[in-house]
Amino acid sequence: MAQDRKWLQEIFQHAAKAECLTEVLKKQENKISRKELVKILSDPKHREKDVPGSVFDLVQQKIAMEREIEKGLRIAKKQGLNWMEAKYRLNIGPGEDYMRWKECYERF
């Protein structure tokens, strides 16, 4: 149990410092899926119990930002914008998640 708590704290700390969740997944050597990671990081039972509230809140903001980008990509695709226009509108620059966002756009 103590080991699980330590692992949770490490994941939250890394997620708080990371630019994106892809960095956290790489640090975990892809042992868990993105969906599982978001589920763990979004669970309110960890706030204050396992990690400080400020760290939990920061991670929630990062998750919300990713969801907003996904929503923006969906809207851009519906509006008929190409990838270059969509990434410019949403301020998607080079980084860990660039290819993931491009693949996400193409799936929509």
PDB file of N, CA and C in Angstrom:
ATOM      1  N   MET A   1       0.827  -1.201   0.000  1.00  0.00           N
ATOM      2  CA  MET A   1       0.000   0.000   0.000  1.00  0.00           C
ATOM      3  C   MET A   1       0.867   1.258   0.000  1.00  0.00           C
ATOM      4  N   ALA A   2       1.920   1.245   0.825  1.00  0.00           N
ATOM      5  CA  ALA A   2       2.817   2.403   0.880  1.00  0.00           C
ATOM      6  C   ALA A   2       3.531   2.586  -0.456  1.00  0.00           C
ATOM      7  N   GLN A   3       3.836   1.462  -1.105  1.00  0.00           N
ATOM      8  CA  GLN A   3       4.499   1.531  -2.407  1.00  0.00           C
ATOM      9  C   GLN A   3       3.558   2.129  -3.450  1.00  0.00           C
ATOM     10  N   ASP A   4       2.280   1.755  -3.406  1.00  0.00           N
ATOM     11  CA  ASP A   4       1.296   2.317  -4.327  1.00  0.00           C
ATOM     12  C   ASP A   4       1.168   3.821  -4.122  1.00  0.00           C
ATOM     13  N   ARG A   5       1.168   4.240  -2.876  1.00  0.00           N
ATOM     14  CA  ARG A   5       1.048   5.668  -2.576  1.00  0.00           C
ATOM     15  C   ARG A   5       2.268   6.424  -3.103  1.00  0.00           C
ATOM     16  N   LYS A   6       3.444   5.826  -2.916  1.00  0.00           N
ATOM     17  CA  LYS A   6       4.674   6.458  -3.415  1.00  0.00           C
ATOM     18  C   LYS A   6       4.616   6.560  -4.942  1.00  0.00           C
ATOM     19  N   TRP A   7       4.149   5.496  -5.591  1.00  0.00           N
ATOM     20  CA  TRP A   7       4.033   5.483  -7.045  1.00  0.00           C
ATOM     21  C   TRP A   7       3.062   6.570  -7.512  1.00  0.00           C
ATOM     22  N   LEU A   8       1.918   6.681  -6.821  1.00  0.00           N
ATOM     23  CA  LEU A   8       0.930   7.714  -7.146  1.00  0.00           C
ATOM     24  C   LEU A   8       1.527   9.108  -7.002  1.00  0.00           C
ATOM     25  N   GLN A   9       2.242   9.330  -5.914  1.00  0.00           N
ATOM     26  CA  GLN A   9       2.856  10.637  -5.683  1.00  0.00           C
ATOM     27  C   GLN A   9       3.854  10.966  -6.783  1.00  0.00           C
ATOM     28  N   GLU A  10       4.644   9.967  -7.191  1.00  0.00           N
ATOM     29  CA  GLU A  10       5.614  10.180  -8.274  1.00  0.00           C
ATOM     30  C   GLU A  10       4.906  10.538  -9.579  1.00  0.00           C
ATOM     31  N   ILE A  11       3.834   9.823  -9.887  1.00  0.00           N
ATOM     32  CA  ILE A  11       3.092  10.101 -11.124  1.00  0.00           C
ATOM     33  C   ILE A  11       2.511  11.515 -11.092  1.00  0.00           C
ATOM     34  N   PHE A  12       1.899  11.892  -9.990  1.00  0.00           N
ATOM     35  CA  PHE A  12       1.320  13.228  -9.882  1.00  0.00           C
ATOM     36  C   PHE A  12       2.406  14.303  -9.971  1.00  0.00           C
ATOM     37  N   GLN A  13       3.529  14.101  -9.290  1.00  0.00           N
ATOM     38  CA  GLN A  13       4.612  15.086  -9.334  1.00  0.00           C
ATOM     39  C   GLN A  13       5.154  15.218 -10.753  1.00  0.00           C
ATOM     40  N   HIS A  14       5.341  14.087 -11.417  1.00  0.00           N
ATOM     41  CA  HIS A  14       5.861  14.144 -12.782  1.00  0.00           C
ATOM     42  C   HIS A  14       4.844  14.793 -13.723  1.00  0.00           C
ATOM     43  N   ALA A  15       3.576  14.468 -13.548  1.00  0.00           N
ATOM     44  CA  ALA A  15       2.529  15.064 -14.391  1.00  0.00           C
ATOM     45  C   ALA A  15       2.452  16.569 -14.169  1.00  0.00           C
ATOM     46  N   ALA A  16       2.656  17.007 -12.942  1.00  0.00           N
ATOM     47  CA  ALA A  16       2.605  18.439 -12.639  1.00  0.00           C
ATOM     48  C   ALA A  16       3.760  19.183 -13.301  1.00  0.00           C
ATOM     49  N   LYS A  17       4.920  18.535 -13.409  1.00  0.00           N
ATOM     50  CA  LYS A  17       6.107  19.183 -13.978  1.00  0.00           C
ATOM     51  C   LYS A  17       6.209  19.004 -15.492  1.00  0.00           C
ATOM     52  N   ALA A  18       5.572  17.966 -16.011  1.00  0.00           N
ATOM     53  CA  ALA A  18       5.687  17.629 -17.432  1.00  0.00           C
ATOM     54  C   ALA A  18       4.913  18.608 -18.310  1.00  0.00           C
ATOM     55  N   GLU A  19       5.381  18.744 -19.531  1.00  0.00           N
ATOM     56  CA  GLU A  19       4.695  19.597 -20.509  1.00  0.00           C
ATOM     57  C   GLU A  19       3.383  18.956 -20.952  1.00  0.00           C
ATOM     58  N   CYS A  20       3.394  17.615 -21.031  1.00  0.00           N
ATOM     59  CA  CYS A  20       2.207  16.891 -21.480  1.00  0.00           C
ATOM     60  C   CYS A  20       2.184  15.495 -20.862  1.00  0.00           C
ATOM     61  N   LEU A  21       1.062  14.842 -20.970  1.00  0.00           N
ATOM     62  CA  LEU A  21       0.919  13.510 -20.383  1.00  0.00           C
ATOM     63  C   LEU A  21       1.751  12.457 -21.115  1.00  0.00           C
ATOM     64  N   THR A  22       2.126  12.732 -22.352  1.00  0.00           N
ATOM     65  CA  THR A  22       2.969  11.801 -23.098  1.00  0.00           C
ATOM     66  C   THR A  22       4.302  11.609 -22.381  1.00  0.00           C
ATOM     67  N   GLU A  23       4.830  12.682 -21.791  1.00  0.00           N
ATOM     68  CA  GLU A  23       6.082  12.578 -21.034  1.00  0.00           C
ATOM     69  C   GLU A  23       5.918  11.632 -19.852  1.00  0.00           C
ATOM     70  N   VAL A  24       4.784  11.704 -19.190  1.00  0.00           N
ATOM     71  CA  VAL A  24       4.521  10.838 -18.035  1.00  0.00           C
ATOM     72  C   VAL A  24       4.446   9.385 -18.490  1.00  0.00           C
ATOM     73  N   LEU A  25       3.788   9.150 -19.616  1.00  0.00           N
ATOM     74  CA  LEU A  25       3.686   7.786 -20.144  1.00  0.00           C
ATOM     75  C   LEU A  25       5.060   7.235 -20.506  1.00  0.00           C
ATOM     76  N   LYS A  26       5.908   8.072 -21.099  1.00  0.00           N
ATOM     77  CA  LYS A  26       7.260   7.631 -21.449  1.00  0.00           C
ATOM     78  C   LYS A  26       8.057   7.307 -20.194  1.00  0.00           C
ATOM     79  N   LYS A  27       7.901   8.131 -19.175  1.00  0.00           N
ATOM     80  CA  LYS A  27       8.599   7.899 -17.902  1.00  0.00           C
ATOM     81  C   LYS A  27       8.153   6.563 -17.298  1.00  0.00           C
ATOM     82  N   GLN A  28       6.899   6.214 -17.471  1.00  0.00           N
ATOM     83  CA  GLN A  28       6.362   4.941 -16.983  1.00  0.00           C
ATOM     84  C   GLN A  28       6.663   3.804 -17.962  1.00  0.00           C
ATOM     85  N   GLU A  29       7.413   4.108 -19.010  1.00  0.00           N
ATOM     86  CA  GLU A  29       7.779   3.143 -20.053  1.00  0.00           C
ATOM     87  C   GLU A  29       6.545   2.482 -20.663  1.00  0.00           C
ATOM     88  N   ASN A  30       5.484   3.291 -20.798  1.00  0.00           N
ATOM     89  CA  ASN A  30       4.228   2.847 -21.416  1.00  0.00           C
ATOM     90  C   ASN A  30       3.643   1.593 -20.756  1.00  0.00           C
ATOM     91  N   LYS A  31       3.824   1.477 -19.444  1.00  0.00           N
ATOM     92  CA  LYS A  31       3.257   0.339 -18.707  1.00  0.00           C
ATOM     93  C   LYS A  31       1.751   0.483 -18.539  1.00  0.00           C
ATOM     94  N   ILE A  32       1.257   1.716 -18.641  1.00  0.00           N
ATOM     95  CA  ILE A  32      -0.182   1.957 -18.552  1.00  0.00           C
ATOM     96  C   ILE A  32      -0.613   2.759 -19.771  1.00  0.00           C
ATOM     97  N   SER A  33      -1.875   2.668 -20.108  1.00  0.00           N
ATOM     98  CA  SER A  33      -2.382   3.400 -21.273  1.00  0.00           C
ATOM     99  C   SER A  33      -2.702   4.842 -20.884  1.00  0.00           C
ATOM    100  N   ARG A  34      -2.861   5.681 -21.878  1.00  0.00           N
ATOM    101  CA  ARG A  34      -3.223   7.083 -21.634  1.00  0.00           C
ATOM    102  C   ARG A  34      -4.566   7.159 -20.905  1.00  0.00           C
ATOM    103  N   LYS A  35      -5.506   6.324 -21.330  1.00  0.00           N
ATOM    104  CA  LYS A  35      -6.836   6.327 -20.710  1.00  0.00           C
ATOM    105  C   LYS A  35      -6.741   5.961 -19.226  1.00  0.00           C
ATOM    106  N   GLU A  36      -5.942   4.940 -18.899  1.00  0.00           N
ATOM    107  CA  GLU A  36      -5.757   4.546 -17.497  1.00  0.00           C
ATOM    108  C   GLU A  36      -5.080   5.656 -16.702  1.00  0.00           C
ATOM    109  N   LEU A  37      -4.083   6.298 -17.321  1.00  0.00           N
ATOM    110  CA  LEU A  37      -3.371   7.387 -16.650  1.00  0.00           C
ATOM    111  C   LEU A  37      -4.317   8.535 -16.321  1.00  0.00           C
ATOM    112  N   VAL A  38      -5.126   8.936 -17.282  1.00  0.00           N
ATOM    113  CA  VAL A  38      -6.078  10.030 -17.058  1.00  0.00           C
ATOM    114  C   VAL A  38      -7.082   9.640 -15.974  1.00  0.00           C
ATOM    115  N   LYS A  39      -7.509   8.389 -15.988  1.00  0.00           N
ATOM    116  CA  LYS A  39      -8.458   7.920 -14.967  1.00  0.00           C
ATOM    117  C   LYS A  39      -7.837   8.020 -13.573  1.00  0.00           C
ATOM    118  N   ILE A  40      -6.592   7.598 -13.434  1.00  0.00           N
ATOM    119  CA  ILE A  40      -5.891   7.670 -12.147  1.00  0.00           C
ATOM    120  C   ILE A  40      -5.715   9.120 -11.720  1.00  0.00           C
ATOM    121  N   LEU A  41      -5.252   9.953 -12.648  1.00  0.00           N
ATOM    122  CA  LEU A  41      -4.975  11.355 -12.316  1.00  0.00           C
ATOM    123  C   LEU A  41      -6.243  12.155 -12.047  1.00  0.00           C
ATOM    124  N   SER A  42      -7.370  11.709 -12.568  1.00  0.00           N
ATOM    125  CA  SER A  42      -8.632  12.441 -12.397  1.00  0.00           C
ATOM    126  C   SER A  42      -9.412  12.024 -11.149  1.00  0.00           C
ATOM    127  N   ASP A  43      -8.990  10.966 -10.510  1.00  0.00           N
ATOM    128  CA  ASP A  43      -9.734  10.437  -9.355  1.00  0.00           C
ATOM    129  C   ASP A  43      -9.619  11.382  -8.157  1.00  0.00           C
ATOM    130  N   PRO A  44     -10.724  11.995  -7.734  1.00  0.00           N
ATOM    131  CA  PRO A  44     -10.679  12.979  -6.646  1.00  0.00           C
ATOM    132  C   PRO A  44     -10.304  12.396  -5.284  1.00  0.00           C
ATOM    133  N   LYS A  45     -10.332  11.085  -5.148  1.00  0.00           N
ATOM    134  CA  LYS A  45      -9.967  10.506  -3.846  1.00  0.00           C
ATOM    135  C   LYS A  45      -8.478  10.712  -3.527  1.00  0.00           C
ATOM    136  N   HIS A  46      -7.664  11.019  -4.549  1.00  0.00           N
ATOM    137  CA  HIS A  46      -6.232  11.229  -4.323  1.00  0.00           C
ATOM    138  C   HIS A  46      -5.918  12.638  -3.824  1.00  0.00           C
ATOM    139  N   ARG A  47      -6.861  13.559  -3.990  1.00  0.00           N
ATOM    140  CA  ARG A  47      -6.632  14.947  -3.565  1.00  0.00           C
ATOM    141  C   ARG A  47      -6.552  14.990  -2.050  1.00  0.00           C
ATOM    142  N   GLU A  48      -5.465  15.556  -1.566  1.00  0.00           N
ATOM    143  CA  GLU A  48      -5.170  15.705  -0.135  1.00  0.00           C
ATOM    144  C   GLU A  48      -4.802  14.383   0.532  1.00  0.00           C
ATOM    145  N   LYS A  49      -5.401  13.274   0.125  1.00  0.00           N
ATOM    146  CA  LYS A  49      -5.077  11.987   0.755  1.00  0.00           C
ATOM    147  C   LYS A  49      -3.686  11.523   0.328  1.00  0.00           C
ATOM    148  N   ASP A  50      -3.427  11.544  -0.975  1.00  0.00           N
ATOM    149  CA  ASP A  50      -2.157  11.047  -1.496  1.00  0.00           C
ATOM    150  C   ASP A  50      -1.241  12.150  -2.009  1.00  0.00           C
ATOM    151  N   VAL A  51      -1.821  13.220  -2.502  1.00  0.00           N
ATOM    152  CA  VAL A  51      -1.017  14.331  -3.034  1.00  0.00           C
ATOM    153  C   VAL A  51      -1.613  15.655  -2.561  1.00  0.00           C
ATOM    154  N   PRO A  52      -0.774  16.701  -2.486  1.00  0.00           N
ATOM    155  CA  PRO A  52      -1.304  18.016  -2.089  1.00  0.00           C
ATOM    156  C   PRO A  52      -2.364  18.503  -3.079  1.00  0.00           C
ATOM    157  N   GLY A  53      -3.321  19.241  -2.576  1.00  0.00           N
ATOM    158  CA  GLY A  53      -4.402  19.754  -3.414  1.00  0.00           C
ATOM    159  C   GLY A  53      -3.914  20.590  -4.572  1.00  0.00           C
ATOM    160  N   SER A  54      -2.850  21.379  -4.362  1.00  0.00           N
ATOM    161  CA  SER A  54      -2.343  22.245  -5.431  1.00  0.00           C
ATOM    162  C   SER A  54      -1.776  21.423  -6.585  1.00  0.00           C
ATOM    163  N   VAL A  55      -1.094  20.326  -6.272  1.00  0.00           N
ATOM    164  CA  VAL A  55      -0.548  19.451  -7.316  1.00  0.00           C
ATOM    165  C   VAL A  55      -1.698  18.785  -8.072  1.00  0.00           C
ATOM    166  N   PHE A  56      -2.682  18.289  -7.335  1.00  0.00           N
ATOM    167  CA  PHE A  56      -3.844  17.654  -7.952  1.00  0.00           C
ATOM    168  C   PHE A  56      -4.545  18.637  -8.888  1.00  0.00           C
ATOM    169  N   ASP A  57      -4.749  19.869  -8.422  1.00  0.00           N
ATOM    170  CA  ASP A  57      -5.440  20.881  -9.231  1.00  0.00           C
ATOM    171  C   ASP A  57      -4.661  21.226 -10.497  1.00  0.00           C
ATOM    172  N   LEU A  58      -3.330  21.318 -10.387  1.00  0.00           N
ATOM    173  CA  LEU A  58      -2.502  21.613 -11.556  1.00  0.00           C
ATOM    174  C   LEU A  58      -2.628  20.502 -12.597  1.00  0.00           C
ATOM    175  N   VAL A  59      -2.602  19.271 -12.144  1.00  0.00           N
ATOM    176  CA  VAL A  59      -2.739  18.133 -13.058  1.00  0.00           C
ATOM    177  C   VAL A  59      -4.118  18.153 -13.722  1.00  0.00           C
ATOM    178  N   GLN A  60      -5.148  18.524 -12.967  1.00  0.00           N
ATOM    179  CA  GLN A  60      -6.498  18.608 -13.537  1.00  0.00           C
ATOM    180  C   GLN A  60      -6.554  19.670 -14.638  1.00  0.00           C
ATOM    181  N   GLN A  61      -5.841  20.776 -14.440  1.00  0.00           N
ATOM    182  CA  GLN A  61      -5.797  21.826 -15.463  1.00  0.00           C
ATOM    183  C   GLN A  61      -5.139  21.309 -16.736  1.00  0.00           C
ATOM    184  N   LYS A  62      -4.074  20.529 -16.591  1.00  0.00           N
ATOM    185  CA  LYS A  62      -3.391  19.975 -17.767  1.00  0.00           C
ATOM    186  C   LYS A  62      -4.297  18.998 -18.514  1.00  0.00           C
ATOM    187  N   ILE A  63      -5.024  18.186 -17.777  1.00  0.00           N
ATOM    188  CA  ILE A  63      -5.965  17.248 -18.409  1.00  0.00           C
ATOM    189  C   ILE A  63      -7.059  18.027 -19.132  1.00  0.00           C
ATOM    190  N   ALA A  64      -7.564  19.069 -18.501  1.00  0.00           N
ATOM    191  CA  ALA A  64      -8.608  19.900 -19.116  1.00  0.00           C
ATOM    192  C   ALA A  64      -8.088  20.572 -20.386  1.00  0.00           C
ATOM    193  N   MET A  65      -6.829  21.026 -20.372  1.00  0.00           N
ATOM    194  CA  MET A  65      -6.243  21.646 -21.567  1.00  0.00           C
ATOM    195  C   MET A  65      -6.190  20.649 -22.715  1.00  0.00           C
ATOM    196  N   GLU A  66      -5.785  19.418 -22.421  1.00  0.00           N
ATOM    197  CA  GLU A  66      -5.730  18.399 -23.472  1.00  0.00           C
ATOM    198  C   GLU A  66      -7.120  18.144 -24.052  1.00  0.00           C
ATOM    199  N   ARG A  67      -8.113  18.110 -23.193  1.00  0.00           N
ATOM    200  CA  ARG A  67      -9.486  17.893 -23.672  1.00  0.00           C
ATOM    201  C   ARG A  67      -9.956  19.061 -24.530  1.00  0.00           C
ATOM    202  N   GLU A  68      -9.571  20.268 -24.169  1.00  0.00           N
ATOM    203  CA  GLU A  68      -9.941  21.446 -24.962  1.00  0.00           C
ATOM    204  C   GLU A  68      -9.285  21.407 -26.336  1.00  0.00           C
ATOM    205  N   ILE A  69      -8.036  20.962 -26.391  1.00  0.00           N
ATOM    206  CA  ILE A  69      -7.353  20.851 -27.684  1.00  0.00           C
ATOM    207  C   ILE A  69      -8.062  19.809 -28.549  1.00  0.00           C
ATOM    208  N   GLU A  70      -8.416  18.669 -27.956  1.00  0.00           N
ATOM    209  CA  GLU A  70      -9.159  17.646 -28.709  1.00  0.00           C
ATOM    210  C   GLU A  70     -10.469  18.211 -29.241  1.00  0.00           C
ATOM    211  N   LYS A  71     -11.172  18.936 -28.405  1.00  0.00           N
ATOM    212  CA  LYS A  71     -12.440  19.552 -28.812  1.00  0.00           C
ATOM    213  C   LYS A  71     -12.197  20.552 -29.949  1.00  0.00           C
ATOM    214  N   GLY A  72     -11.153  21.353 -29.822  1.00  0.00           N
ATOM    215  CA  GLY A  72     -10.814  22.325 -30.857  1.00  0.00           C
ATOM    216  C   GLY A  72     -10.468  21.661 -32.178  1.00  0.00           C
ATOM    217  N   LEU A  73      -9.759  20.542 -32.115  1.00  0.00           N
ATOM    218  CA  LEU A  73      -9.421  19.807 -33.337  1.00  0.00           C
ATOM    219  C   LEU A  73     -10.671  19.248 -34.010  1.00  0.00           C
ATOM    220  N   ARG A  74     -11.598  18.758 -33.201  1.00  0.00           N
ATOM    221  CA  ARG A  74     -12.868  18.248 -33.751  1.00  0.00           C
ATOM    222  C   ARG A  74     -13.616  19.356 -34.489  1.00  0.00           C
ATOM    223  N   ILE A  75     -13.700  20.504 -33.839  1.00  0.00           N
ATOM    224  CA  ILE A  75     -14.406  21.649 -34.425  1.00  0.00           C
ATOM    225  C   ILE A  75     -13.710  22.105 -35.702  1.00  0.00           C
ATOM    226  N   ALA A  76     -12.375  22.180 -35.665  1.00  0.00           N
ATOM    227  CA  ALA A  76     -11.614  22.607 -36.842  1.00  0.00           C
ATOM    228  C   ALA A  76     -11.849  21.661 -38.016  1.00  0.00           C
ATOM    229  N   LYS A  77     -11.878  20.379 -37.734  1.00  0.00           N
ATOM    230  CA  LYS A  77     -12.110  19.389 -38.794  1.00  0.00           C
ATOM    231  C   LYS A  77     -13.510  19.567 -39.389  1.00  0.00           C
ATOM    232  N   LYS A  78     -14.514  19.795 -38.516  1.00  0.00           N
ATOM    233  CA  LYS A  78     -15.887  20.006 -38.992  1.00  0.00           C
ATOM    234  C   LYS A  78     -15.992  21.273 -39.830  1.00  0.00           C
ATOM    235  N   GLN A  79     -15.191  22.279 -39.495  1.00  0.00           N
ATOM    236  CA  GLN A  79     -15.214  23.536 -40.239  1.00  0.00           C
ATOM    237  C   GLN A  79     -14.456  23.433 -41.556  1.00  0.00           C
ATOM    238  N   GLY A  80     -13.817  22.302 -41.784  1.00  0.00           N
ATOM    239  CA  GLY A  80     -13.108  22.093 -43.038  1.00  0.00           C
ATOM    240  C   GLY A  80     -11.695  22.649 -43.061  1.00  0.00           C
ATOM    241  N   LEU A  81     -11.155  22.977 -41.903  1.00  0.00           N
ATOM    242  CA  LEU A  81      -9.783  23.484 -41.858  1.00  0.00           C
ATOM    243  C   LEU A  81      -8.808  22.330 -42.062  1.00  0.00           C
ATOM    244  N   ASN A  82      -7.706  22.618 -42.753  1.00  0.00           N
ATOM    245  CA  ASN A  82      -6.690  21.577 -42.882  1.00  0.00           C
ATOM    246  C   ASN A  82      -5.830  21.565 -41.613  1.00  0.00           C
ATOM    247  N   TRP A  83      -4.920  20.592 -41.516  1.00  0.00           N
ATOM    248  CA  TRP A  83      -4.109  20.421 -40.311  1.00  0.00           C
ATOM    249  C   TRP A  83      -3.296  21.678 -39.991  1.00  0.00           C
ATOM    250  N   MET A  84      -2.696  22.284 -40.994  1.00  0.00           N
ATOM    251  CA  MET A  84      -1.847  23.467 -40.766  1.00  0.00           C
ATOM    252  C   MET A  84      -2.667  24.615 -40.178  1.00  0.00           C
ATOM    253  N   GLU A  85      -3.861  24.841 -40.709  1.00  0.00           N
ATOM    254  CA  GLU A  85      -4.724  25.908 -40.180  1.00  0.00           C
ATOM    255  C   GLU A  85      -5.186  25.584 -38.758  1.00  0.00           C
ATOM    256  N   ALA A  86      -5.530  24.329 -38.528  1.00  0.00           N
ATOM    257  CA  ALA A  86      -6.013  23.916 -37.201  1.00  0.00           C
ATOM    258  C   ALA A  86      -4.914  24.060 -36.159  1.00  0.00           C
ATOM    259  N   LYS A  87      -3.712  23.616 -36.477  1.00  0.00           N
ATOM    260  CA  LYS A  87      -2.628  23.697 -35.490  1.00  0.00           C
ATOM    261  C   LYS A  87      -2.248  25.151 -35.228  1.00  0.00           C
ATOM    262  N   TYR A  88      -2.350  26.005 -36.247  1.00  0.00           N
ATOM    263  CA  TYR A  88      -2.069  27.424 -36.052  1.00  0.00           C
ATOM    264  C   TYR A  88      -3.118  28.052 -35.131  1.00  0.00           C
ATOM    265  N   ARG A  89      -4.386  27.741 -35.382  1.00  0.00           N
ATOM    266  CA  ARG A  89      -5.476  28.286 -34.562  1.00  0.00           C
ATOM    267  C   ARG A  89      -5.391  27.854 -33.107  1.00  0.00           C
ATOM    268  N   LEU A  90      -4.971  26.608 -32.900  1.00  0.00           N
ATOM    269  CA  LEU A  90      -4.925  26.048 -31.547  1.00  0.00           C
ATOM    270  C   LEU A  90      -3.552  26.177 -30.892  1.00  0.00           C
ATOM    271  N   ASN A  91      -2.634  26.846 -31.580  1.00  0.00           N
ATOM    272  CA  ASN A  91      -1.285  27.049 -31.033  1.00  0.00           C
ATOM    273  C   ASN A  91      -0.579  25.736 -30.719  1.00  0.00           C
ATOM    274  N   ILE A  92      -0.668  24.785 -31.606  1.00  0.00           N
ATOM    275  CA  ILE A  92       0.015  23.507 -31.414  1.00  0.00           C
ATOM    276  C   ILE A  92       1.379  23.628 -32.070  1.00  0.00           C
ATOM    277  N   GLY A  93       2.395  23.601 -31.251  1.00  0.00           N
ATOM    278  CA  GLY A  93       3.753  23.726 -31.753  1.00  0.00           C
ATOM    279  C   GLY A  93       4.508  22.420 -31.612  1.00  0.00           C
ATOM    280  N   PRO A  94       5.778  22.445 -31.995  1.00  0.00           N
ATOM    281  CA  PRO A  94       6.576  21.228 -31.863  1.00  0.00           C
ATOM    282  C   PRO A  94       6.679  20.821 -30.392  1.00  0.00           C
ATOM    283  N   GLY A  95       6.591  19.558 -30.159  1.00  0.00           N
ATOM    284  CA  GLY A  95       6.670  19.048 -28.795  1.00  0.00           C
ATOM    285  C   GLY A  95       6.355  17.569 -28.766  1.00  0.00           C
ATOM    286  N   GLU A  96       6.328  17.031 -27.563  1.00  0.00           N
ATOM    287  CA  GLU A  96       6.077  15.601 -27.361  1.00  0.00           C
ATOM    288  C   GLU A  96       4.754  15.146 -27.981  1.00  0.00           C
ATOM    289  N   ASP A  97       3.743  15.995 -27.921  1.00  0.00           N
ATOM    290  CA  ASP A  97       2.399  15.601 -28.349  1.00  0.00           C
ATOM    291  C   ASP A  97       2.064  15.973 -29.794  1.00  0.00           C
ATOM    292  N   TYR A  98       2.990  16.575 -30.517  1.00  0.00           N
ATOM    293  CA  TYR A  98       2.690  17.072 -31.859  1.00  0.00           C
ATOM    294  C   TYR A  98       2.094  15.984 -32.757  1.00  0.00           C
ATOM    295  N   MET A  99       2.765  14.847 -32.847  1.00  0.00           N
ATOM    296  CA  MET A  99       2.283  13.776 -33.732  1.00  0.00           C
ATOM    297  C   MET A  99       0.978  13.175 -33.215  1.00  0.00           C
ATOM    298  N   ARG A 100       0.831  13.112 -31.904  1.00  0.00           N
ATOM    299  CA  ARG A 100      -0.419  12.593 -31.343  1.00  0.00           C
ATOM    300  C   ARG A 100      -1.579  13.490 -31.732  1.00  0.00           C
ATOM    301  N   TRP A 101      -1.365  14.824 -31.666  1.00  0.00           N
ATOM    302  CA  TRP A 101      -2.438  15.752 -32.046  1.00  0.00           C
ATOM    303  C   TRP A 101      -2.743  15.637 -33.535  1.00  0.00           C
ATOM    304  N   LYS A 102      -1.706  15.465 -34.346  1.00  0.00           N
ATOM    305  CA  LYS A 102      -1.928  15.337 -35.789  1.00  0.00           C
ATOM    306  C   LYS A 102      -2.725  14.069 -36.095  1.00  0.00           C
ATOM    307  N   GLU A 103      -2.366  12.957 -35.462  1.00  0.00           N
ATOM    308  CA  GLU A 103      -3.102  11.705 -35.662  1.00  0.00           C
ATOM    309  C   GLU A 103      -4.537  11.830 -35.160  1.00  0.00           C
ATOM    310  N   CYS A 104      -4.696  12.530 -34.058  1.00  0.00           N
ATOM    311  CA  CYS A 104      -6.029  12.761 -33.492  1.00  0.00           C
ATOM    312  C   CYS A 104      -6.883  13.543 -34.498  1.00  0.00           C
ATOM    313  N   TYR A 105      -6.310  14.586 -35.085  1.00  0.00           N
ATOM    314  CA  TYR A 105      -7.013  15.406 -36.078  1.00  0.00           C
ATOM    315  C   TYR A 105      -7.421  14.546 -37.276  1.00  0.00           C
ATOM    316  N   GLU A 106      -6.508  13.709 -37.740  1.00  0.00           N
ATOM    317  CA  GLU A 106      -6.783  12.883 -38.917  1.00  0.00           C
ATOM    318  C   GLU A 106      -7.855  11.828 -38.642  1.00  0.00           C
ATOM    319  N   ARG A 107      -7.957  11.363 -37.396  1.00  0.00           N
ATOM    320  CA  ARG A 107      -8.989  10.384 -37.027  1.00  0.00           C
ATOM    321  C   ARG A 107     -10.383  10.990 -37.087  1.00  0.00           C
ATOM    322  N   PHE A 108     -10.495  12.280 -36.748  1.00  0.00           N
ATOM    323  CA  PHE A 108     -11.811  12.932 -36.731  1.00  0.00           C
ATOM    324  C   PHE A 108     -12.268  13.082 -38.136  1.00  0.00           C
TER     325      PHE A 108
END
